[in-house]
Amino acid sequence: MPSTYNDPDIAAPDLTVRDYRPDRYRIDVTRQAADEITACEQHLQTLADAYGTDSDRYRSALASWHRHLAGLFSTSRGAETSVQRDGPLSLYVTASSGFVYGVIFHGEQRRCTAPGCPAVADDDPQHPTAVIWRPAPTAASVLDHEHQPSYPAGAPQPGIWSAHS
């Protein structure tokens, strides 16, 4: 015998799902946070210009930033959220539920892509297109060769945003 069957004489129940989210949601964004949000969007545009909109670098940065930006509108953490600047390309978020977190940009370290070379790069602040090569923290020395950077000097730094509580 089947566990269910259709009976045209019985009306289907009207099952309404209750929405527990607040009717109004307030986001308080400081002027500095608004400027930083704009800077993040500008950084995405420079990544698109430098690497192309089809590049993995641009797409992963775009997806990570917009996921966290959309998360600011989540009412699951209460009816109010406060957003402040937390450094370059980063935000500090406090929700009325007591949940506090940061949306932080993690830039990709420029590395030498030559096989076996453990070198990492630092930008020379005096010369924006110059690179200073040094050993990676786990390496003792840098190979003596023409280094092949993972992204060009003077190009925008690729990376992703992540949330930390």
Protein backbone atom coordinates (compact mmCIF):
# COMPACT_ATOMS: atom_id res chain seq x y z
CA MET A 1 0.00 0.00 0.00
CA PRO A 2 1.46 3.46 -0.92
CA SER A 3 2.34 5.87 1.88
CA THR A 4 0.55 8.75 0.10
CA TYR A 5 -2.14 9.12 -2.53
CA ASN A 6 -3.98 11.96 -4.26
CA ASP A 7 -7.50 12.62 -2.99
CA PRO A 8 -9.21 15.35 -5.03
CA ASP A 9 -11.85 15.83 -2.32
CA ILE A 10 -9.31 17.09 0.26
CA ALA A 11 -7.99 20.63 -0.13
CA ALA A 12 -4.23 21.10 0.00
CA PRO A 13 -3.13 22.79 3.24
CA ASP A 14 -1.98 26.40 3.01
CA LEU A 15 1.53 26.18 4.45
CA THR A 16 3.03 29.61 4.96
CA VAL A 17 6.64 29.97 5.94
CA ARG A 18 7.18 32.53 8.66
CA ASP A 19 9.88 35.11 7.92
CA TYR A 20 11.73 35.87 11.14
CA ARG A 21 13.94 38.55 9.66
CA PRO A 22 13.40 42.11 10.89
CA ASP A 23 11.17 44.35 8.75
CA ARG A 24 13.84 47.05 8.72
CA TYR A 25 17.58 46.72 8.61
CA ARG A 26 20.01 49.49 9.43
CA ILE A 27 23.61 49.68 8.23
CA ASP A 28 25.76 52.43 9.68
CA VAL A 29 28.79 53.06 7.45
CA THR A 30 31.44 55.57 8.49
CA ARG A 31 32.79 57.98 5.89
CA GLN A 32 36.17 56.23 6.06
CA ALA A 33 34.51 52.85 5.50
CA ALA A 34 32.62 54.22 2.49
CA ASP A 35 35.93 55.51 1.10
CA GLU A 36 37.51 52.09 1.68
CA ILE A 37 34.62 50.31 -0.06
CA THR A 38 35.18 52.64 -3.01
CA ALA A 39 38.92 51.85 -2.90
CA CYS A 40 38.15 48.12 -2.99
CA GLU A 41 35.96 48.58 -6.06
CA GLN A 42 38.71 50.66 -7.69
CA HIS A 43 41.23 47.93 -6.88
CA LEU A 44 39.00 45.41 -8.65
CA GLN A 45 38.89 47.70 -11.70
CA THR A 46 42.70 47.98 -11.77
CA LEU A 47 42.93 44.18 -11.54
CA ALA A 48 40.51 43.90 -14.48
CA ASP A 49 42.52 46.43 -16.48
CA ALA A 50 45.85 44.73 -15.72
CA TYR A 51 44.94 41.03 -15.94
CA GLY A 52 41.64 41.00 -17.86
CA THR A 53 38.11 40.22 -16.71
CA ASP A 54 38.54 36.55 -17.67
CA SER A 55 41.65 36.07 -15.51
CA ASP A 56 41.54 33.91 -12.39
CA ARG A 57 43.17 36.72 -10.42
CA TYR A 58 40.37 39.16 -11.23
CA ARG A 59 37.53 36.65 -10.87
CA SER A 60 38.65 35.29 -7.49
CA ALA A 61 39.14 38.81 -6.12
CA LEU A 62 35.76 39.94 -7.49
CA ALA A 63 33.91 36.90 -6.10
CA SER A 64 35.50 37.17 -2.66
CA TRP A 65 34.89 40.93 -2.33
CA HIS A 66 31.29 40.87 -3.55
CA ARG A 67 30.46 37.85 -1.34
CA HIS A 68 31.52 39.85 1.73
CA LEU A 69 29.94 43.08 0.51
CA ALA A 70 26.61 41.28 0.02
CA GLY A 71 27.06 39.75 3.50
CA LEU A 72 26.78 43.23 4.99
CA PHE A 73 23.10 43.11 4.02
CA SER A 74 22.43 39.81 5.79
CA THR A 75 19.82 40.23 8.50
CA SER A 76 20.75 36.90 10.11
CA ARG A 77 23.07 38.72 12.53
CA GLY A 78 20.50 41.20 13.81
CA ALA A 79 18.72 44.33 12.66
CA GLU A 80 21.72 46.67 12.81
CA THR A 81 25.26 46.56 11.50
CA SER A 82 28.11 49.03 11.88
CA VAL A 83 30.91 49.17 9.28
CA GLN A 84 34.24 50.92 9.86
CA ARG A 85 37.54 51.08 8.00
CA ASP A 86 40.10 48.57 9.25
CA GLY A 87 43.14 49.41 7.14
CA PRO A 88 43.93 49.35 3.44
CA LEU A 89 41.22 47.46 1.52
CA SER A 90 39.74 46.11 4.79
CA LEU A 91 36.62 46.65 6.91
CA TYR A 92 35.63 46.10 10.56
CA VAL A 93 32.00 44.97 11.01
CA THR A 94 29.93 44.86 14.21
CA ALA A 95 26.43 43.35 14.18
CA SER A 96 23.70 43.99 16.77
CA SER A 97 23.76 40.27 17.63
CA GLY A 98 27.26 40.81 19.03
CA PHE A 99 29.02 39.18 16.09
CA VAL A 100 32.19 41.10 15.16
CA TYR A 101 34.41 40.37 12.18
CA GLY A 102 36.84 41.88 9.74
CA VAL A 103 36.75 41.71 5.95
CA ILE A 104 40.46 41.69 5.17
CA PHE A 105 42.34 41.83 1.88
CA HIS A 106 45.08 39.22 1.60
CA GLY A 107 47.43 40.23 -1.19
CA GLU A 108 49.37 37.64 -3.13
CA GLN A 109 53.09 37.62 -2.37
CA ARG A 110 55.15 38.15 -5.53
CA ARG A 111 57.37 35.09 -6.01
CA CYS A 112 59.88 33.88 -8.53
CA THR A 113 58.22 31.27 -10.73
CA ALA A 114 61.50 29.72 -11.97
CA PRO A 115 61.71 26.06 -10.94
CA GLY A 116 63.56 25.62 -7.66
CA CYS A 117 63.89 29.32 -6.86
CA PRO A 118 62.55 30.17 -3.37
CA ALA A 119 62.78 33.94 -3.81
CA VAL A 120 59.98 36.33 -2.84
CA ALA A 121 59.83 39.97 -3.83
CA ASP A 122 59.36 43.27 -2.06
CA ASP A 123 58.57 46.44 -3.93
CA ASP A 124 61.16 49.19 -3.73
CA PRO A 125 59.24 52.23 -2.40
CA GLN A 126 61.74 54.57 -4.07
CA HIS A 127 61.23 52.96 -7.50
CA PRO A 128 57.68 51.66 -8.13
CA THR A 129 58.75 49.31 -10.94
CA ALA A 130 61.82 47.93 -9.12
CA VAL A 131 61.76 44.71 -7.13
CA ILE A 132 64.00 43.61 -4.27
CA TRP A 133 64.38 39.82 -4.17
CA ARG A 134 64.96 38.06 -0.86
CA PRO A 135 64.84 34.46 0.37
CA ALA A 136 61.46 33.05 1.37
CA PRO A 137 61.13 32.54 5.14
CA THR A 138 61.83 28.81 4.71
CA ALA A 139 64.83 29.28 2.40
CA ALA A 140 68.42 30.18 3.21
CA SER A 141 69.38 31.82 -0.07
CA VAL A 142 68.16 33.08 -3.41
CA LEU A 143 69.28 31.48 -6.66
CA ASP A 144 71.48 33.70 -8.83
CA HIS A 145 69.49 34.03 -12.07
CA GLU A 146 67.05 36.33 -13.86
CA HIS A 147 63.96 36.10 -11.62
CA GLN A 148 60.55 35.51 -13.15
CA PRO A 149 57.95 37.33 -11.03
CA SER A 150 54.51 35.80 -10.54
CA TYR A 151 53.08 39.20 -11.46
CA PRO A 152 54.86 42.28 -12.82
CA ALA A 153 56.37 45.02 -10.69
CA GLY A 154 54.15 48.08 -10.78
CA ALA A 155 51.05 45.96 -11.49
CA PRO A 156 48.18 45.88 -8.99
CA GLN A 157 48.58 43.24 -6.30
CA PRO A 158 46.25 40.28 -6.82
CA GLY A 159 44.61 38.73 -3.78
CA ILE A 160 41.31 37.85 -2.14
CA TRP A 161 39.17 39.11 0.73
CA SER A 162 38.26 36.86 3.63
CA ALA A 163 36.33 37.30 6.86
CA HIS A 164 37.92 36.80 10.27
CA SER A 165 36.05 36.92 13.55
